[in-house]
PDB file of N, CA and C in Angstrom:
ATOM      1  N   MET A   1      -3.331 -20.894 -10.229  1.00  0.00           N
ATOM      2  CA  MET A   1      -2.373 -19.809 -10.194  1.00  0.00           C
ATOM      3  C   MET A   1      -1.376 -20.077  -9.062  1.00  0.00           C
ATOM      4  N   PRO A   2      -0.088 -20.012  -9.344  1.00  0.00           N
ATOM      5  CA  PRO A   2       0.905 -20.280  -8.308  1.00  0.00           C
ATOM      6  C   PRO A   2       0.927 -19.164  -7.256  1.00  0.00           C
ATOM      7  N   ALA A   3       1.433 -19.499  -6.090  1.00  0.00           N
ATOM      8  CA  ALA A   3       1.543 -18.518  -5.017  1.00  0.00           C
ATOM      9  C   ALA A   3       2.606 -17.483  -5.384  1.00  0.00           C
ATOM     10  N   PRO A   4       2.467 -16.259  -4.880  1.00  0.00           N
ATOM     11  CA  PRO A   4       3.476 -15.240  -5.171  1.00  0.00           C
ATOM     12  C   PRO A   4       4.810 -15.593  -4.517  1.00  0.00           C
ATOM     13  N   TYR A   5       5.883 -15.071  -5.087  1.00  0.00           N
ATOM     14  CA  TYR A   5       7.204 -15.288  -4.504  1.00  0.00           C
ATOM     15  C   TYR A   5       7.252 -14.656  -3.120  1.00  0.00           C
ATOM     16  N   SER A   6       8.031 -15.241  -2.229  1.00  0.00           N
ATOM     17  CA  SER A   6       8.104 -14.758  -0.852  1.00  0.00           C
ATOM     18  C   SER A   6       8.718 -13.363  -0.801  1.00  0.00           C
ATOM     19  N   THR A   7       8.375 -12.651   0.268  1.00  0.00           N
ATOM     20  CA  THR A   7       8.930 -11.310   0.477  1.00  0.00           C
ATOM     21  C   THR A   7      10.431 -11.405   0.686  1.00  0.00           C
ATOM     22  N   ASP A   8      10.892 -12.498   1.309  1.00  0.00           N
ATOM     23  CA  ASP A   8      12.320 -12.707   1.526  1.00  0.00           C
ATOM     24  C   ASP A   8      13.071 -12.782   0.195  1.00  0.00           C
ATOM     25  N   LEU A   9      12.551 -13.567  -0.734  1.00  0.00           N
ATOM     26  CA  LEU A   9      13.187 -13.675  -2.052  1.00  0.00           C
ATOM     27  C   LEU A   9      13.183 -12.331  -2.758  1.00  0.00           C
ATOM     28  N   ARG A  10      12.069 -11.642  -2.710  1.00  0.00           N
ATOM     29  CA  ARG A  10      11.964 -10.335  -3.353  1.00  0.00           C
ATOM     30  C   ARG A  10      13.001  -9.364  -2.795  1.00  0.00           C
ATOM     31  N   GLN A  11      13.165  -9.376  -1.465  1.00  0.00           N
ATOM     32  CA  GLN A  11      14.132  -8.471  -0.837  1.00  0.00           C
ATOM     33  C   GLN A  11      15.560  -8.850  -1.220  1.00  0.00           C
ATOM     34  N   ARG A  12      15.844 -10.156  -1.305  1.00  0.00           N
ATOM     35  CA  ARG A  12      17.188 -10.583  -1.714  1.00  0.00           C
ATOM     36  C   ARG A  12      17.495 -10.152  -3.138  1.00  0.00           C
ATOM     37  N   VAL A  13      16.497 -10.207  -4.020  1.00  0.00           N
ATOM     38  CA  VAL A  13      16.685  -9.760  -5.403  1.00  0.00           C
ATOM     39  C   VAL A  13      17.002  -8.263  -5.425  1.00  0.00           C
ATOM     40  N   ILE A  14      16.232  -7.476  -4.680  1.00  0.00           N
ATOM     41  CA  ILE A  14      16.456  -6.023  -4.634  1.00  0.00           C
ATOM     42  C   ILE A  14      17.821  -5.709  -4.042  1.00  0.00           C
ATOM     43  N   ASP A  15      18.196  -6.393  -2.964  1.00  0.00           N
ATOM     44  CA  ASP A  15      19.511  -6.166  -2.349  1.00  0.00           C
ATOM     45  C   ASP A  15      20.636  -6.464  -3.334  1.00  0.00           C
ATOM     46  N   ALA A  16      20.515  -7.574  -4.061  1.00  0.00           N
ATOM     47  CA  ALA A  16      21.541  -7.932  -5.055  1.00  0.00           C
ATOM     48  C   ALA A  16      21.575  -6.909  -6.190  1.00  0.00           C
ATOM     49  N   TYR A  17      20.407  -6.422  -6.601  1.00  0.00           N
ATOM     50  CA  TYR A  17      20.353  -5.421  -7.677  1.00  0.00           C
ATOM     51  C   TYR A  17      21.009  -4.121  -7.233  1.00  0.00           C
ATOM     52  N   GLU A  18      20.695  -3.678  -6.014  1.00  0.00           N
ATOM     53  CA  GLU A  18      21.272  -2.424  -5.520  1.00  0.00           C
ATOM     54  C   GLU A  18      22.776  -2.543  -5.284  1.00  0.00           C
ATOM     55  N   ALA A  19      23.247  -3.744  -4.961  1.00  0.00           N
ATOM     56  CA  ALA A  19      24.681  -3.974  -4.767  1.00  0.00           C
ATOM     57  C   ALA A  19      25.393  -4.213  -6.098  1.00  0.00           C
ATOM     58  N   GLN A  20      24.653  -4.098  -7.184  1.00  0.00           N
ATOM     59  CA  GLN A  20      25.176  -4.278  -8.546  1.00  0.00           C
ATOM     60  C   GLN A  20      25.904  -5.616  -8.686  1.00  0.00           C
ATOM     61  N   GLN A  21      25.235  -6.679  -8.248  1.00  0.00           N
ATOM     62  CA  GLN A  21      25.819  -8.013  -8.310  1.00  0.00           C
ATOM     63  C   GLN A  21      25.485  -8.728  -9.611  1.00  0.00           C
ATOM     64  N   GLY A  22      25.038  -7.997 -10.593  1.00  0.00           N
ATOM     65  CA  GLY A  22      24.760  -8.582 -11.890  1.00  0.00           C
ATOM     66  C   GLY A  22      23.670  -7.807 -12.613  1.00  0.00           C
ATOM     67  N   SER A  23      23.523  -8.120 -13.873  1.00  0.00           N
ATOM     68  CA  SER A  23      22.458  -7.506 -14.658  1.00  0.00           C
ATOM     69  C   SER A  23      21.118  -8.117 -14.263  1.00  0.00           C
ATOM     70  N   GLN A  24      20.056  -7.550 -14.765  1.00  0.00           N
ATOM     71  CA  GLN A  24      18.735  -8.102 -14.481  1.00  0.00           C
ATOM     72  C   GLN A  24      18.638  -9.537 -14.981  1.00  0.00           C
ATOM     73  N   ARG A  25      19.172  -9.791 -16.144  1.00  0.00           N
ATOM     74  CA  ARG A  25      19.150 -11.147 -16.701  1.00  0.00           C
ATOM     75  C   ARG A  25      19.951 -12.115 -15.825  1.00  0.00           C
ATOM     76  N   GLN A  26      21.111 -11.684 -15.338  1.00  0.00           N
ATOM     77  CA  GLN A  26      21.930 -12.529 -14.479  1.00  0.00           C
ATOM     78  C   GLN A  26      21.226 -12.801 -13.144  1.00  0.00           C
ATOM     79  N   LEU A  27      20.552 -11.773 -12.612  1.00  0.00           N
ATOM     80  CA  LEU A  27      19.821 -11.962 -11.358  1.00  0.00           C
ATOM     81  C   LEU A  27      18.672 -12.948 -11.543  1.00  0.00           C
ATOM     82  N   ALA A  28      18.016 -12.886 -12.693  1.00  0.00           N
ATOM     83  CA  ALA A  28      16.926 -13.823 -12.973  1.00  0.00           C
ATOM     84  C   ALA A  28      17.448 -15.262 -12.971  1.00  0.00           C
ATOM     85  N   LYS A  29      18.597 -15.482 -13.579  1.00  0.00           N
ATOM     86  CA  LYS A  29      19.184 -16.832 -13.588  1.00  0.00           C
ATOM     87  C   LYS A  29      19.630 -17.241 -12.190  1.00  0.00           C
ATOM     88  N   ARG A  30      20.243 -16.317 -11.484  1.00  0.00           N
ATOM     89  CA  ARG A  30      20.755 -16.615 -10.142  1.00  0.00           C
ATOM     90  C   ARG A  30      19.640 -17.016  -9.176  1.00  0.00           C
ATOM     91  N   PHE A  31      18.514 -16.300  -9.231  1.00  0.00           N
ATOM     92  CA  PHE A  31      17.414 -16.569  -8.309  1.00  0.00           C
ATOM     93  C   PHE A  31      16.351 -17.495  -8.905  1.00  0.00           C
ATOM     94  N   LYS A  32      16.591 -17.953 -10.137  1.00  0.00           N
ATOM     95  CA  LYS A  32      15.688 -18.894 -10.818  1.00  0.00           C
ATOM     96  C   LYS A  32      14.257 -18.360 -10.930  1.00  0.00           C
ATOM     97  N   VAL A  33      14.170 -17.113 -11.410  1.00  0.00           N
ATOM     98  CA  VAL A  33      12.884 -16.474 -11.679  1.00  0.00           C
ATOM     99  C   VAL A  33      12.941 -15.895 -13.092  1.00  0.00           C
ATOM    100  N   SER A  34      11.804 -15.439 -13.587  1.00  0.00           N
ATOM    101  CA  SER A  34      11.783 -14.900 -14.943  1.00  0.00           C
ATOM    102  C   SER A  34      12.342 -13.477 -14.983  1.00  0.00           C
ATOM    103  N   LEU A  35      12.823 -13.100 -16.129  1.00  0.00           N
ATOM    104  CA  LEU A  35      13.331 -11.749 -16.331  1.00  0.00           C
ATOM    105  C   LEU A  35      12.220 -10.727 -16.158  1.00  0.00           C
ATOM    106  N   SER A  36      11.012 -11.061 -16.609  1.00  0.00           N
ATOM    107  CA  SER A  36       9.900 -10.125 -16.472  1.00  0.00           C
ATOM    108  C   SER A  36       9.561  -9.888 -15.000  1.00  0.00           C
ATOM    109  N   PHE A  37       9.697 -10.922 -14.155  1.00  0.00           N
ATOM    110  CA  PHE A  37       9.475 -10.730 -12.722  1.00  0.00           C
ATOM    111  C   PHE A  37      10.489  -9.744 -12.160  1.00  0.00           C
ATOM    112  N   ILE A  38      11.741  -9.902 -12.532  1.00  0.00           N
ATOM    113  CA  ILE A  38      12.800  -9.004 -12.056  1.00  0.00           C
ATOM    114  C   ILE A  38      12.491  -7.566 -12.475  1.00  0.00           C
ATOM    115  N   LYS A  39      12.125  -7.380 -13.735  1.00  0.00           N
ATOM    116  CA  LYS A  39      11.838  -6.033 -14.238  1.00  0.00           C
ATOM    117  C   LYS A  39      10.663  -5.403 -13.499  1.00  0.00           C
ATOM    118  N   ARG A  40       9.575  -6.176 -13.322  1.00  0.00           N
ATOM    119  CA  ARG A  40       8.398  -5.639 -12.619  1.00  0.00           C
ATOM    120  C   ARG A  40       8.713  -5.335 -11.157  1.00  0.00           C
ATOM    121  N   LEU A  41       9.480  -6.215 -10.505  1.00  0.00           N
ATOM    122  CA  LEU A  41       9.833  -6.011  -9.105  1.00  0.00           C
ATOM    123  C   LEU A  41      10.674  -4.747  -8.936  1.00  0.00           C
ATOM    124  N   ILE A  42      11.659  -4.564  -9.782  1.00  0.00           N
ATOM    125  CA  ILE A  42      12.523  -3.381  -9.688  1.00  0.00           C
ATOM    126  C   ILE A  42      11.720  -2.120  -9.964  1.00  0.00           C
ATOM    127  N   ARG A  43      10.857  -2.159 -10.963  1.00  0.00           N
ATOM    128  CA  ARG A  43      10.026  -0.990 -11.282  1.00  0.00           C
ATOM    129  C   ARG A  43       9.115  -0.645 -10.104  1.00  0.00           C
ATOM    130  N   ARG A  44       8.491  -1.660  -9.513  1.00  0.00           N
ATOM    131  CA  ARG A  44       7.601  -1.413  -8.374  1.00  0.00           C
ATOM    132  C   ARG A  44       8.386  -0.887  -7.179  1.00  0.00           C
ATOM    133  N   TYR A  45       9.584  -1.419  -6.951  1.00  0.00           N
ATOM    134  CA  TYR A  45      10.408  -0.956  -5.840  1.00  0.00           C
ATOM    135  C   TYR A  45      10.816   0.503  -6.038  1.00  0.00           C
ATOM    136  N   ARG A  46      11.176   0.864  -7.256  1.00  0.00           N
ATOM    137  CA  ARG A  46      11.538   2.262  -7.538  1.00  0.00           C
ATOM    138  C   ARG A  46      10.357   3.199  -7.336  1.00  0.00           C
ATOM    139  N   ASP A  47       9.174   2.773  -7.782  1.00  0.00           N
ATOM    140  CA  ASP A  47       7.984   3.623  -7.727  1.00  0.00           C
ATOM    141  C   ASP A  47       7.406   3.749  -6.323  1.00  0.00           C
ATOM    142  N   THR A  48       7.368   2.631  -5.565  1.00  0.00           N
ATOM    143  CA  THR A  48       6.666   2.634  -4.282  1.00  0.00           C
ATOM    144  C   THR A  48       7.561   2.355  -3.090  1.00  0.00           C
ATOM    145  N   GLY A  49       8.735   1.773  -3.326  1.00  0.00           N
ATOM    146  CA  GLY A  49       9.606   1.396  -2.227  1.00  0.00           C
ATOM    147  C   GLY A  49       9.185   0.101  -1.556  1.00  0.00           C
ATOM    148  N   GLN A  50       8.228  -0.610  -2.146  1.00  0.00           N
ATOM    149  CA  GLN A  50       7.722  -1.848  -1.562  1.00  0.00           C
ATOM    150  C   GLN A  50       8.131  -3.053  -2.397  1.00  0.00           C
ATOM    151  N   VAL A  51       8.307  -4.188  -1.705  1.00  0.00           N
ATOM    152  CA  VAL A  51       8.616  -5.434  -2.402  1.00  0.00           C
ATOM    153  C   VAL A  51       7.548  -6.485  -2.156  1.00  0.00           C
ATOM    154  N   THR A  52       6.558  -6.184  -1.323  1.00  0.00           N
ATOM    155  CA  THR A  52       5.509  -7.160  -1.021  1.00  0.00           C
ATOM    156  C   THR A  52       4.655  -7.414  -2.263  1.00  0.00           C
ATOM    157  N   PRO A  53       4.105  -8.628  -2.387  1.00  0.00           N
ATOM    158  CA  PRO A  53       3.276  -8.922  -3.557  1.00  0.00           C
ATOM    159  C   PRO A  53       1.978  -8.122  -3.537  1.00  0.00           C
ATOM    160  N   LEU A  54       1.451  -7.850  -4.716  1.00  0.00           N
ATOM    161  CA  LEU A  54       0.175  -7.160  -4.830  1.00  0.00           C
ATOM    162  C   LEU A  54      -0.950  -8.091  -4.392  1.00  0.00           C
ATOM    163  N   PRO A  55      -2.061  -7.535  -3.920  1.00  0.00           N
ATOM    164  CA  PRO A  55      -3.172  -8.405  -3.517  1.00  0.00           C
ATOM    165  C   PRO A  55      -3.760  -9.147  -4.714  1.00  0.00           C
ATOM    166  N   HIS A  56      -4.351 -10.291  -4.425  1.00  0.00           N
ATOM    167  CA  HIS A  56      -4.971 -11.115  -5.460  1.00  0.00           C
ATOM    168  C   HIS A  56      -6.156 -10.378  -6.062  1.00  0.00           C
ATOM    169  N   GLY A  57      -6.349 -10.499  -7.365  1.00  0.00           N
ATOM    170  CA  GLY A  57      -7.387  -9.770  -8.082  1.00  0.00           C
ATOM    171  C   GLY A  57      -8.804 -10.247  -7.840  1.00  0.00           C
ATOM    172  N   GLY A  58      -9.036 -11.459  -7.395  1.00  0.00           N
ATOM    173  CA  GLY A  58     -10.377 -11.896  -7.071  1.00  0.00           C
ATOM    174  C   GLY A  58     -10.943 -12.979  -7.961  1.00  0.00           C
ATOM    175  N   GLY A  59     -10.466 -13.130  -9.160  1.00  0.00           N
ATOM    176  CA  GLY A  59     -10.943 -14.208 -10.017  1.00  0.00           C
ATOM    177  C   GLY A  59     -12.187 -13.853 -10.809  1.00  0.00           C
ATOM    178  N   ALA A  60     -12.770 -14.856 -11.441  1.00  0.00           N
ATOM    179  CA  ALA A  60     -13.917 -14.664 -12.322  1.00  0.00           C
ATOM    180  C   ALA A  60     -15.203 -14.477 -11.513  1.00  0.00           C
ATOM    181  N   ILE A  61     -16.134 -13.766 -12.093  1.00  0.00           N
ATOM    182  CA  ILE A  61     -17.432 -13.541 -11.487  1.00  0.00           C
ATOM    183  C   ILE A  61     -18.325 -14.742 -11.800  1.00  0.00           C
ATOM    184  N   ALA A  62     -19.070 -15.196 -10.805  1.00  0.00           N
ATOM    185  CA  ALA A  62     -19.935 -16.358 -10.979  1.00  0.00           C
ATOM    186  C   ALA A  62     -21.026 -16.072 -12.005  1.00  0.00           C
ATOM    187  N   LYS A  63     -21.310 -17.047 -12.837  1.00  0.00           N
ATOM    188  CA  LYS A  63     -22.344 -16.903 -13.860  1.00  0.00           C
ATOM    189  C   LYS A  63     -23.745 -17.147 -13.292  1.00  0.00           C
ATOM    190  N   ILE A  64     -23.816 -17.924 -12.216  1.00  0.00           N
ATOM    191  CA  ILE A  64     -25.103 -18.260 -11.610  1.00  0.00           C
ATOM    192  C   ILE A  64     -25.188 -17.584 -10.240  1.00  0.00           C
ATOM    193  N   ARG A  65     -26.269 -16.873 -10.004  1.00  0.00           N
ATOM    194  CA  ARG A  65     -26.468 -16.232  -8.712  1.00  0.00           C
ATOM    195  C   ARG A  65     -26.707 -17.285  -7.640  1.00  0.00           C
ATOM    196  N   THR A  66     -26.335 -16.968  -6.424  1.00  0.00           N
ATOM    197  CA  THR A  66     -26.534 -17.919  -5.325  1.00  0.00           C
ATOM    198  C   THR A  66     -28.016 -18.195  -5.092  1.00  0.00           C
ATOM    199  N   SER A  67     -28.886 -17.239  -5.435  1.00  0.00           N
ATOM    200  CA  SER A  67     -30.325 -17.469  -5.265  1.00  0.00           C
ATOM    201  C   SER A  67     -30.843 -18.539  -6.233  1.00  0.00           C
ATOM    202  N   ASN A  68     -30.120 -18.788  -7.333  1.00  0.00           N
ATOM    203  CA  ASN A  68     -30.536 -19.780  -8.322  1.00  0.00           C
ATOM    204  C   ASN A  68     -29.903 -21.156  -8.097  1.00  0.00           C
ATOM    205  N   LEU A  69     -29.029 -21.291  -7.126  1.00  0.00           N
ATOM    206  CA  LEU A  69     -28.350 -22.570  -6.896  1.00  0.00           C
ATOM    207  C   LEU A  69     -29.297 -23.719  -6.545  1.00  0.00           C
ATOM    208  N   PRO A  70     -30.329 -23.503  -5.736  1.00  0.00           N
ATOM    209  CA  PRO A  70     -31.232 -24.635  -5.465  1.00  0.00           C
ATOM    210  C   PRO A  70     -31.885 -25.198  -6.740  1.00  0.00           C
ATOM    211  N   VAL A  71     -32.218 -24.348  -7.675  1.00  0.00           N
ATOM    212  CA  VAL A  71     -32.819 -24.809  -8.930  1.00  0.00           C
ATOM    213  C   VAL A  71     -31.809 -25.654  -9.707  1.00  0.00           C
ATOM    214  N   VAL A  72     -30.573 -25.212  -9.745  1.00  0.00           N
ATOM    215  CA  VAL A  72     -29.534 -25.957 -10.465  1.00  0.00           C
ATOM    216  C   VAL A  72     -29.306 -27.309  -9.784  1.00  0.00           C
ATOM    217  N   GLU A  73     -29.286 -27.322  -8.457  1.00  0.00           N
ATOM    218  CA  GLU A  73     -29.110 -28.584  -7.726  1.00  0.00           C
ATOM    219  C   GLU A  73     -30.215 -29.569  -8.032  1.00  0.00           C
ATOM    220  N   GLN A  74     -31.438 -29.075  -8.150  1.00  0.00           N
ATOM    221  CA  GLN A  74     -32.556 -29.963  -8.481  1.00  0.00           C
ATOM    222  C   GLN A  74     -32.417 -30.529  -9.885  1.00  0.00           C
ATOM    223  N   LEU A  75     -31.944 -29.725 -10.814  1.00  0.00           N
ATOM    224  CA  LEU A  75     -31.789 -30.171 -12.205  1.00  0.00           C
ATOM    225  C   LEU A  75     -30.687 -31.221 -12.324  1.00  0.00           C
ATOM    226  N   VAL A  76     -29.683 -31.110 -11.521  1.00  0.00           N
ATOM    227  CA  VAL A  76     -28.571 -32.050 -11.565  1.00  0.00           C
ATOM    228  C   VAL A  76     -28.966 -33.284 -10.806  1.00  0.00           C
TER     229      VAL A  76
END
């Protein structure tokens, strides 16, 4: 999974949007990001006033408990 876009880039996108420097599609091309990112960022900024990335979700849950790892190591 790629790293989230920097807070600096996010703020520049919001500043350009508020200054009406183009449509959402034009801003996506200008900043070389996807249109869906622009839409989600603007929606989140309107709702919360924040541009920082959301925390990482945590990933998949391990299928093997740590208590069972020695047994697996022996089998391998």
